[in-house]
Amino acid sequence: MTVVRAVVRPEVRRVWALAVLAAAIAIGVVAVHKQVRDGNDFPIYWNAARDLLAGRSPYDVNSGLHGYVYLPWFALTMVPFALLPLPVAATCWYVLNLVFTFFAGRALLGSLHAARVPARPLVLALAALPLAALFHDNLVLGQANLFVLWLVALGIRAALRPGSVEHRGLPIGLAAALKMPAAVLALPLLFGRRARQMLGVVIGLVIAIELPHLEGGTNNGGHLMKQWHEKVMLPAAEGTLQGSNVIDQSPQAGLRRLLVAEPAFGDHRVNVAALDVESFRRVSFGASIAILVAYLLVWLLAPARGSPPALLADLALACCAMVQVTGYSLKAQFVVLLLPAWLAASLAWERPARAPRVLLVIAGALFLLSQPGLVGRAASNLLLAHSSMTLGTLLLAGTLAWQRFRLTPPPSAAPAAAPASGTTW
């Protein structure tokens, strides 16, 4: 207790605040230098917006995953940055990403409070620690994942507010229009009888998709959507987007590293079989279906469906599904696991069962040991080749699913009351 009191003293808080500010400035300097030097990821968005301003298409359909790959609406949102020199624009985007991170965390904390889940600062800090390097990577590269996390957090917080209205589903719709796996968040809303918010998700998607059509001329929305479909959707349908490289930590990519004779990194292989690409494509599709069915069974069969704690757990599981179902999830996208990590750790702390705590410690260790800054590039590549983050996510999702089934339905006579004594939350 003496240590805790010392940490919360005003003078100590000021020292911590200055340390955090200094770290943010240092990371920002490195981030802007790296983006200007290497040309990714924010410079890609910046160039896409400049192409739109010049009447050109931002899509190079012959470059595979290289270049701009998002829907046209996101390039339109980057137009204000395109009016600035790249170093200034990258600095502004870095600051904005810090804002996204802060308000995403705030919204997720509000979600825990709305669902009446005790949130202890030390527990939340320890749960977020394995993801810290992923947040750092997003900031340094200027990626869009922190923007997606903010949209997802807004949608989740809104879903837990009483008296849901249509516009509260808009953030999830916009998130799905940027990172398509976010659309899986609509399923818990549907099963939780949040039909009006489902409508908001659809409205958000429609707005994002139709926004570029407001622009006329040869570079109109229809032309851009056609090029986006050719660059992204057709290769995805053919299975050519998914490789064996360790940066992809989806379960499907993990299976590819095991079942297809391709290097996981450098010349290193971990495969135990040598399926041809077409045979593996069927295996990958089957894995995606199996994972989705597993989540559907939880959302359909778990008790207390629709109550705030149950809805929050279902949405947290959907965050896990975002990096498991589609088959192409790069390391930096795993920042969406912040809510599942916070929720699972908070519940494990409140309950006497030892198994969830052990599983979460193992999952956290797998994430931490996957970071080259901690264990070195060679060791992290070896762990990632064996799908360490994939396994960590499966452990986290499994722990959450077990906790979800432990929820006791609230008394039917008072569904809005505080949890009864038989409730395990």
Protein backbone atom coordinates (compact mmCIF):
# COMPACT_ATOMS: atom_id res chain seq x y z
CA MET A 1 0.00 0.00 0.00
CA THR A 2 2.89 2.38 0.72
CA VAL A 3 4.19 1.89 -2.83
CA VAL A 4 0.71 2.51 -4.29
CA ARG A 5 0.31 5.73 -2.29
CA ALA A 6 3.72 6.90 -3.45
CA VAL A 7 2.83 6.30 -7.09
CA VAL A 8 -0.36 8.36 -6.90
CA ARG A 9 1.21 11.38 -5.14
CA PRO A 10 0.86 14.55 -7.28
CA GLU A 11 4.61 15.09 -7.67
CA VAL A 12 5.10 11.47 -8.77
CA ARG A 13 2.25 11.79 -11.26
CA ARG A 14 3.93 14.88 -12.73
CA VAL A 15 7.19 12.99 -13.17
CA TRP A 16 5.37 10.13 -14.90
CA ALA A 17 3.52 12.61 -17.13
CA LEU A 18 6.80 14.25 -18.18
CA ALA A 19 8.36 10.84 -18.84
CA VAL A 20 5.42 9.80 -21.02
CA LEU A 21 5.56 13.10 -22.92
CA ALA A 22 9.30 12.72 -23.52
CA ALA A 23 8.80 9.14 -24.76
CA ALA A 24 5.99 10.22 -27.08
CA ILE A 25 8.16 12.97 -28.58
CA ALA A 26 11.11 10.61 -29.05
CA ILE A 27 8.94 7.95 -30.71
CA GLY A 28 7.37 10.64 -32.90
CA VAL A 29 10.75 11.84 -34.17
CA VAL A 30 11.73 8.28 -35.05
CA ALA A 31 8.33 7.61 -36.63
CA VAL A 32 8.39 10.64 -38.93
CA HIS A 33 11.99 9.96 -39.99
CA LYS A 34 11.22 6.32 -40.76
CA GLN A 35 8.07 7.10 -42.73
CA VAL A 36 9.75 9.79 -44.84
CA ARG A 37 12.75 7.52 -45.44
CA ASP A 38 10.94 4.26 -46.19
CA GLY A 39 7.66 5.46 -47.70
CA ASN A 40 5.30 3.34 -45.60
CA ASP A 41 2.69 3.15 -44.24
CA PHE A 42 1.32 6.68 -43.83
CA PRO A 43 3.11 7.98 -46.95
CA ILE A 44 1.06 5.47 -48.94
CA TYR A 45 -2.16 7.03 -47.64
CA TRP A 46 -0.72 10.50 -48.24
CA ASN A 47 0.19 9.65 -51.84
CA ALA A 48 -3.24 8.09 -52.43
CA ALA A 49 -4.91 11.34 -51.38
CA ARG A 50 -2.56 13.37 -53.58
CA ASP A 51 -3.45 11.10 -56.50
CA LEU A 52 -7.12 11.86 -55.93
CA LEU A 53 -6.42 15.58 -55.81
CA ALA A 54 -4.53 15.30 -59.11
CA GLY A 55 -7.34 13.32 -60.76
CA ARG A 56 -5.38 10.08 -60.77
CA SER A 57 -6.34 6.68 -59.40
CA PRO A 58 -4.58 5.68 -56.16
CA TYR A 59 -4.64 2.01 -57.18
CA ASP A 60 -1.81 0.23 -58.97
CA VAL A 61 -3.48 -3.06 -59.81
CA ASN A 62 -0.19 -4.64 -60.89
CA SER A 63 1.66 -4.20 -57.59
CA GLY A 64 -0.16 -6.83 -55.51
CA LEU A 65 -0.40 -5.86 -51.85
CA HIS A 66 2.06 -3.02 -52.32
CA GLY A 67 0.63 0.45 -52.54
CA TYR A 68 -2.80 1.66 -51.47
CA VAL A 69 -5.26 -1.18 -50.77
CA TYR A 70 -8.13 0.39 -48.80
CA LEU A 71 -11.50 1.53 -50.10
CA PRO A 72 -11.53 4.96 -51.81
CA TRP A 73 -13.29 6.71 -48.90
CA PHE A 74 -10.23 6.44 -46.65
CA ALA A 75 -8.07 8.15 -49.26
CA LEU A 76 -10.63 10.96 -49.31
CA THR A 77 -10.30 11.38 -45.54
CA MET A 78 -6.54 11.77 -46.05
CA VAL A 79 -6.95 14.75 -48.42
CA PRO A 80 -6.33 17.37 -45.67
CA PHE A 81 -2.98 15.69 -44.96
CA ALA A 82 -2.14 15.66 -48.67
CA LEU A 83 -2.22 19.47 -48.66
CA LEU A 84 0.77 19.46 -46.28
CA PRO A 85 4.42 18.51 -46.89
CA LEU A 86 5.01 14.87 -46.02
CA PRO A 87 7.06 15.47 -42.82
CA VAL A 88 4.41 17.84 -41.47
CA ALA A 89 1.57 15.50 -42.50
CA ALA A 90 3.32 12.50 -40.91
CA THR A 91 3.76 14.46 -37.68
CA CYS A 92 0.06 15.39 -37.63
CA TRP A 93 -0.94 11.78 -38.28
CA TYR A 94 1.33 10.59 -35.47
CA VAL A 95 -0.30 13.01 -33.02
CA LEU A 96 -3.72 11.96 -34.25
CA ASN A 97 -2.82 8.31 -33.67
CA LEU A 98 -1.92 9.16 -30.08
CA VAL A 99 -5.35 10.77 -29.76
CA PHE A 100 -7.01 7.69 -31.27
CA THR A 101 -5.18 5.48 -28.76
CA PHE A 102 -6.16 7.62 -25.78
CA PHE A 103 -9.83 7.86 -26.67
CA ALA A 104 -10.02 4.19 -27.68
CA GLY A 105 -8.73 3.22 -24.25
CA ARG A 106 -11.14 5.61 -22.61
CA ALA A 107 -14.09 4.18 -24.55
CA LEU A 108 -13.12 0.60 -23.70
CA LEU A 109 -12.80 1.49 -20.02
CA GLY A 110 -16.29 2.98 -20.27
CA SER A 111 -17.49 -0.30 -21.78
CA LEU A 112 -16.12 -2.28 -18.83
CA HIS A 113 -17.84 0.12 -16.44
CA ALA A 114 -21.14 -0.06 -18.32
CA ALA A 115 -21.03 -3.87 -18.14
CA ARG A 116 -20.27 -3.73 -14.39
CA VAL A 117 -16.91 -5.47 -14.79
CA PRO A 118 -14.41 -4.41 -12.09
CA ALA A 119 -11.39 -2.79 -13.73
CA ARG A 120 -8.27 -2.64 -11.56
CA PRO A 121 -5.51 -0.37 -12.98
CA LEU A 122 -2.70 -2.84 -12.25
CA VAL A 123 -4.57 -5.71 -13.89
CA LEU A 124 -5.35 -3.60 -16.97
CA ALA A 125 -1.74 -2.46 -17.23
CA LEU A 126 -0.41 -6.03 -17.05
CA ALA A 127 -3.00 -7.19 -19.61
CA ALA A 128 -2.02 -4.42 -22.05
CA LEU A 129 1.73 -4.99 -21.65
CA PRO A 130 1.99 -7.87 -24.20
CA LEU A 131 0.38 -5.57 -26.82
CA ALA A 132 2.59 -2.55 -26.11
CA ALA A 133 5.07 -3.34 -28.91
CA LEU A 134 2.19 -3.60 -31.39
CA PHE A 135 0.99 -0.12 -30.45
CA HIS A 136 4.57 1.10 -30.90
CA ASP A 137 4.76 -0.48 -34.36
CA ASN A 138 1.51 1.19 -35.41
CA LEU A 139 2.76 4.58 -34.23
CA VAL A 140 6.16 4.24 -35.89
CA LEU A 141 4.77 3.03 -39.22
CA GLY A 142 1.79 5.40 -39.21
CA GLN A 143 -0.68 2.62 -39.90
CA ALA A 144 -4.47 2.82 -39.82
CA ASN A 145 -5.03 0.17 -37.14
CA LEU A 146 -5.27 2.65 -34.25
CA PHE A 147 -7.96 4.52 -36.18
CA VAL A 148 -9.81 1.21 -36.57
CA LEU A 149 -9.37 0.46 -32.86
CA TRP A 150 -10.89 3.84 -32.00
CA LEU A 151 -13.89 3.22 -34.27
CA VAL A 152 -14.38 -0.27 -32.83
CA ALA A 153 -14.12 1.07 -29.27
CA LEU A 154 -16.70 3.78 -30.00
CA GLY A 155 -19.08 1.21 -31.46
CA ILE A 156 -18.67 -1.16 -28.52
CA ARG A 157 -19.17 1.58 -25.95
CA ALA A 158 -22.27 2.80 -27.78
CA ALA A 159 -23.71 -0.72 -27.93
CA LEU A 160 -23.70 -0.91 -24.12
CA ARG A 161 -25.56 2.34 -23.59
CA PRO A 162 -29.27 2.02 -22.78
CA GLY A 163 -31.72 3.18 -25.43
CA SER A 164 -29.69 2.23 -28.47
CA VAL A 165 -30.20 4.37 -31.55
CA GLU A 166 -29.26 3.77 -35.14
CA HIS A 167 -26.30 6.15 -35.39
CA ARG A 168 -24.43 4.30 -32.63
CA GLY A 169 -23.64 1.50 -35.06
CA LEU A 170 -21.97 3.90 -37.50
CA PRO A 171 -18.42 3.55 -36.12
CA ILE A 172 -18.45 -0.22 -36.59
CA GLY A 173 -19.73 0.24 -40.14
CA LEU A 174 -16.91 2.67 -40.90
CA ALA A 175 -14.37 0.32 -39.30
CA ALA A 176 -15.66 -2.53 -41.50
CA ALA A 177 -15.37 -0.29 -44.55
CA LEU A 178 -11.68 0.20 -43.73
CA LYS A 179 -10.74 -3.24 -42.35
CA MET A 180 -13.33 -5.71 -43.58
CA PRO A 181 -12.89 -8.22 -40.71
CA ALA A 182 -14.47 -5.62 -38.40
CA ALA A 183 -17.82 -6.56 -39.97
CA VAL A 184 -17.85 -9.63 -37.69
CA LEU A 185 -18.72 -7.26 -34.82
CA ALA A 186 -22.18 -6.97 -36.32
CA LEU A 187 -22.96 -10.61 -35.46
CA PRO A 188 -22.98 -10.18 -31.64
CA LEU A 189 -25.18 -7.11 -32.14
CA LEU A 190 -27.57 -9.22 -34.18
CA PHE A 191 -27.67 -12.08 -31.66
CA GLY A 192 -27.90 -9.56 -28.81
CA ARG A 193 -31.09 -8.17 -30.33
CA ARG A 194 -29.51 -4.83 -31.23
CA ALA A 195 -31.28 -4.59 -34.59
CA ARG A 196 -31.29 -0.79 -34.65
CA GLN A 197 -27.54 -0.69 -34.22
CA MET A 198 -27.21 -3.31 -36.92
CA LEU A 199 -28.95 -0.79 -39.15
CA GLY A 200 -26.34 1.76 -38.09
CA VAL A 201 -23.57 -0.61 -39.14
CA VAL A 202 -25.16 -0.95 -42.57
CA ILE A 203 -25.61 2.83 -42.85
CA GLY A 204 -21.93 3.36 -41.97
CA LEU A 205 -20.86 0.90 -44.65
CA VAL A 206 -23.11 2.52 -47.26
CA ILE A 207 -21.87 6.01 -46.43
CA ALA A 208 -18.22 4.94 -46.72
CA ILE A 209 -18.73 3.03 -49.97
CA GLU A 210 -20.92 5.66 -51.63
CA LEU A 211 -18.93 8.72 -50.54
CA PRO A 212 -16.47 8.55 -53.48
CA HIS A 213 -19.41 8.51 -55.91
CA LEU A 214 -19.99 12.17 -55.08
CA GLU A 215 -16.92 12.95 -57.14
CA GLY A 216 -17.58 13.24 -60.85
CA GLY A 217 -15.28 12.92 -63.83
CA THR A 218 -13.34 9.95 -65.10
CA ASN A 219 -11.91 9.19 -61.66
CA ASN A 220 -15.33 8.68 -60.10
CA GLY A 221 -16.39 6.31 -57.36
CA GLY A 222 -17.52 3.56 -59.73
CA HIS A 223 -14.17 3.51 -61.49
CA LEU A 224 -12.25 3.50 -58.20
CA MET A 225 -14.38 0.71 -56.75
CA LYS A 226 -13.77 -1.38 -59.84
CA GLN A 227 -10.01 -0.93 -59.48
CA TRP A 228 -10.14 -1.69 -55.75
CA HIS A 229 -12.05 -4.89 -56.52
CA GLU A 230 -9.41 -5.88 -59.08
CA LYS A 231 -6.51 -5.09 -56.74
CA VAL A 232 -7.83 -6.56 -53.49
CA MET A 233 -10.94 -8.70 -53.80
CA LEU A 234 -9.98 -10.83 -56.81
CA PRO A 235 -6.56 -11.82 -55.39
CA ALA A 236 -8.21 -12.52 -52.02
CA ALA A 237 -10.78 -14.80 -53.68
CA GLU A 238 -7.99 -16.59 -55.53
CA GLY A 239 -6.00 -17.04 -52.32
CA THR A 240 -2.95 -15.20 -53.64
CA LEU A 241 -2.94 -12.54 -50.92
CA GLN A 242 -2.14 -15.06 -48.23
CA GLY A 243 1.48 -16.09 -47.91
CA SER A 244 3.56 -18.03 -45.44
CA ASN A 245 5.57 -15.05 -44.17
CA VAL A 246 5.68 -14.77 -40.39
CA ILE A 247 4.23 -11.26 -40.40
CA ASP A 248 0.83 -12.88 -41.08
CA GLN A 249 -0.27 -14.42 -37.78
CA SER A 250 -3.74 -15.58 -38.80
CA PRO A 251 -4.56 -19.27 -38.15
CA GLN A 252 -4.78 -19.83 -41.90
CA ALA A 253 -1.26 -18.50 -42.46
CA GLY A 254 -0.05 -20.69 -39.60
CA LEU A 255 -1.53 -23.70 -41.35
CA ARG A 256 0.14 -22.64 -44.59
CA ARG A 257 3.52 -22.53 -42.90
CA LEU A 258 2.89 -26.09 -41.66
CA LEU A 259 1.33 -27.57 -44.78
CA VAL A 260 2.92 -25.82 -47.78
CA ALA A 261 6.60 -26.12 -48.66
CA GLU A 262 7.39 -22.40 -48.57
CA PRO A 263 9.89 -20.50 -46.39
CA ALA A 264 8.44 -18.86 -43.30
CA PHE A 265 11.31 -16.35 -43.20
CA GLY A 266 14.53 -16.25 -45.17
CA ASP A 267 15.23 -19.86 -46.15
CA HIS A 268 13.76 -21.30 -42.95
CA ARG A 269 10.82 -23.70 -43.30
CA VAL A 270 8.65 -25.33 -40.66
CA ASN A 271 6.30 -27.31 -42.89
CA VAL A 272 5.45 -30.93 -42.04
CA ALA A 273 3.58 -31.52 -45.32
CA ALA A 274 3.80 -30.25 -48.90
CA LEU A 275 0.28 -29.58 -50.11
CA ASP A 276 -0.17 -27.87 -53.45
CA VAL A 277 -1.65 -24.38 -53.36
CA GLU A 278 -5.09 -25.45 -54.56
CA SER A 279 -5.40 -28.19 -51.94
CA PHE A 280 -4.29 -25.80 -49.23
CA ARG A 281 -6.83 -23.21 -50.37
CA ARG A 282 -9.59 -25.68 -49.50
CA VAL A 283 -7.97 -26.38 -46.13
CA SER A 284 -7.71 -22.65 -45.43
CA PHE A 285 -11.34 -22.06 -46.36
CA GLY A 286 -12.42 -24.93 -44.15
CA ALA A 287 -10.38 -23.50 -41.25
CA SER A 288 -12.08 -20.12 -41.66
CA ILE A 289 -15.51 -21.73 -41.65
CA ALA A 290 -14.67 -23.83 -38.58
CA ILE A 291 -13.44 -20.79 -36.64
CA LEU A 292 -16.51 -18.76 -37.57
CA VAL A 293 -18.84 -21.62 -36.63
CA ALA A 294 -17.12 -21.91 -33.23
CA TYR A 295 -17.79 -18.24 -32.53
CA LEU A 296 -21.36 -18.53 -33.77
CA LEU A 297 -21.98 -21.41 -31.37
CA VAL A 298 -20.75 -19.30 -28.46
CA TRP A 299 -22.88 -16.32 -29.47
CA LEU A 300 -25.95 -18.50 -30.00
CA LEU A 301 -25.68 -20.94 -27.07
CA ALA A 302 -24.09 -18.97 -24.23
CA PRO A 303 -26.56 -17.83 -21.54
CA ALA A 304 -27.76 -14.32 -20.67
CA ARG A 305 -27.60 -13.19 -24.31
CA GLY A 306 -28.35 -9.49 -24.61
CA SER A 307 -27.41 -8.47 -21.07
CA PRO A 308 -24.60 -5.85 -20.86
CA PRO A 309 -21.93 -8.22 -19.48
CA ALA A 310 -22.80 -10.89 -22.05
CA LEU A 311 -22.85 -8.39 -24.92
CA LEU A 312 -19.45 -7.03 -23.91
CA ALA A 313 -18.00 -10.56 -23.78
CA ASP A 314 -19.51 -11.36 -27.19
CA LEU A 315 -18.06 -8.17 -28.71
CA ALA A 316 -14.68 -8.94 -27.14
CA LEU A 317 -14.79 -12.36 -28.76
CA ALA A 318 -15.63 -10.66 -32.06
CA CYS A 319 -12.43 -8.61 -31.65
CA CYS A 320 -10.57 -11.92 -31.47
CA ALA A 321 -12.44 -13.15 -34.52
CA MET A 322 -11.29 -10.07 -36.46
CA VAL A 323 -7.77 -11.50 -36.62
CA GLN A 324 -8.77 -15.14 -37.01
CA VAL A 325 -11.56 -15.55 -39.53
CA THR A 326 -10.44 -13.85 -42.74
CA GLY A 327 -7.02 -15.47 -43.18
CA TYR A 328 -4.84 -12.38 -43.60
CA SER A 329 -3.93 -10.63 -40.32
CA LEU A 330 -0.62 -8.85 -40.00
CA LYS A 331 1.01 -8.42 -36.58
CA ALA A 332 0.08 -4.77 -36.13
CA GLN A 333 -3.63 -5.54 -36.54
CA PHE A 334 -3.62 -7.43 -33.23
CA VAL A 335 -4.02 -4.17 -31.30
CA VAL A 336 -7.76 -4.89 -31.51
CA LEU A 337 -7.16 -7.50 -28.80
CA LEU A 338 -6.96 -4.76 -26.16
CA LEU A 339 -10.58 -5.23 -25.04
CA PRO A 340 -10.38 -9.06 -24.95
CA ALA A 341 -7.16 -8.84 -22.93
CA TRP A 342 -8.62 -6.33 -20.48
CA LEU A 343 -11.89 -8.19 -20.07
CA ALA A 344 -10.37 -11.67 -19.71
CA ALA A 345 -7.78 -10.43 -17.20
CA SER A 346 -10.37 -8.53 -15.15
CA LEU A 347 -12.62 -11.56 -14.93
CA ALA A 348 -9.74 -13.90 -14.13
CA TRP A 349 -8.67 -11.60 -11.30
CA GLU A 350 -12.16 -11.60 -9.77
CA ARG A 351 -12.64 -15.37 -9.88
CA PRO A 352 -10.84 -18.03 -7.83
CA ALA A 353 -10.31 -20.40 -10.78
CA ARG A 354 -6.61 -20.80 -11.57
CA ALA A 355 -6.88 -22.14 -15.14
CA PRO A 356 -7.90 -18.83 -16.81
CA ARG A 357 -5.03 -17.01 -15.13
CA VAL A 358 -2.52 -19.63 -16.26
CA LEU A 359 -3.81 -19.54 -19.84
CA LEU A 360 -3.69 -15.75 -19.95
CA VAL A 361 -0.11 -15.72 -18.64
CA ILE A 362 0.88 -18.17 -21.37
CA ALA A 363 -0.91 -16.10 -24.02
CA GLY A 364 0.80 -12.94 -22.80
CA ALA A 365 4.18 -14.64 -22.83
CA LEU A 366 3.64 -15.81 -26.42
CA PHE A 367 2.92 -12.23 -27.49
CA LEU A 368 5.86 -10.78 -25.58
CA LEU A 369 8.30 -13.36 -26.94
CA SER A 370 7.10 -12.62 -30.47
CA GLN A 371 8.57 -9.10 -30.32
CA PRO A 372 12.06 -8.70 -31.80
CA GLY A 373 12.78 -5.74 -29.54
CA LEU A 374 12.59 -8.08 -26.55
CA VAL A 375 14.12 -11.36 -27.74
CA GLY A 376 15.91 -10.40 -30.96
CA ARG A 377 14.91 -10.80 -34.59
CA ALA A 378 16.09 -14.41 -35.00
CA ALA A 379 14.24 -15.71 -31.93
CA SER A 380 11.06 -13.78 -32.69
CA ASN A 381 11.03 -15.01 -36.29
CA LEU A 382 11.39 -18.59 -35.09
CA LEU A 383 8.48 -18.18 -32.66
CA LEU A 384 6.35 -16.40 -35.24
CA ALA A 385 7.10 -19.13 -37.76
CA HIS A 386 5.46 -21.50 -35.30
CA SER A 387 2.54 -19.05 -35.01
CA SER A 388 3.16 -17.80 -31.48
CA MET A 389 0.70 -14.90 -31.78
CA THR A 390 -1.86 -17.18 -33.40
CA LEU A 391 -1.63 -19.56 -30.45
CA GLY A 392 -1.78 -16.67 -27.98
CA THR A 393 -4.96 -15.37 -29.59
CA LEU A 394 -6.55 -18.82 -29.52
CA LEU A 395 -5.76 -19.10 -25.81
CA LEU A 396 -7.21 -15.65 -25.15
CA ALA A 397 -10.36 -16.41 -27.15
CA GLY A 398 -10.77 -19.80 -25.48
CA THR A 399 -10.46 -18.25 -22.02
CA LEU A 400 -13.04 -15.61 -22.90
CA ALA A 401 -15.42 -18.22 -24.29
CA TRP A 402 -15.14 -20.25 -21.06
CA GLN A 403 -15.80 -17.11 -19.02
CA ARG A 404 -18.73 -16.26 -21.28
CA PHE A 405 -20.48 -19.56 -20.50
CA ARG A 406 -19.98 -18.91 -16.79
CA LEU A 407 -22.34 -15.95 -16.94
CA THR A 408 -25.62 -16.64 -15.11
CA PRO A 409 -28.75 -15.18 -16.76
CA PRO A 410 -30.15 -12.24 -14.78
CA PRO A 411 -33.58 -12.59 -13.14
CA SER A 412 -36.29 -12.22 -15.80
CA ALA A 413 -38.32 -9.95 -13.59
CA ALA A 414 -35.60 -7.33 -13.38
CA PRO A 415 -33.34 -7.51 -16.44
CA ALA A 416 -31.96 -4.02 -15.90
CA ALA A 417 -31.05 -4.48 -12.25
CA ALA A 418 -27.59 -5.03 -10.85
CA PRO A 419 -26.28 -8.62 -11.04
CA ALA A 420 -27.95 -11.02 -8.64
CA SER A 421 -25.97 -13.01 -6.12
CA GLY A 422 -25.82 -15.98 -8.48
CA THR A 423 -24.13 -13.96 -11.20
CA THR A 424 -20.45 -14.74 -11.58
CA TRP A 425 -19.45 -11.35 -12.99
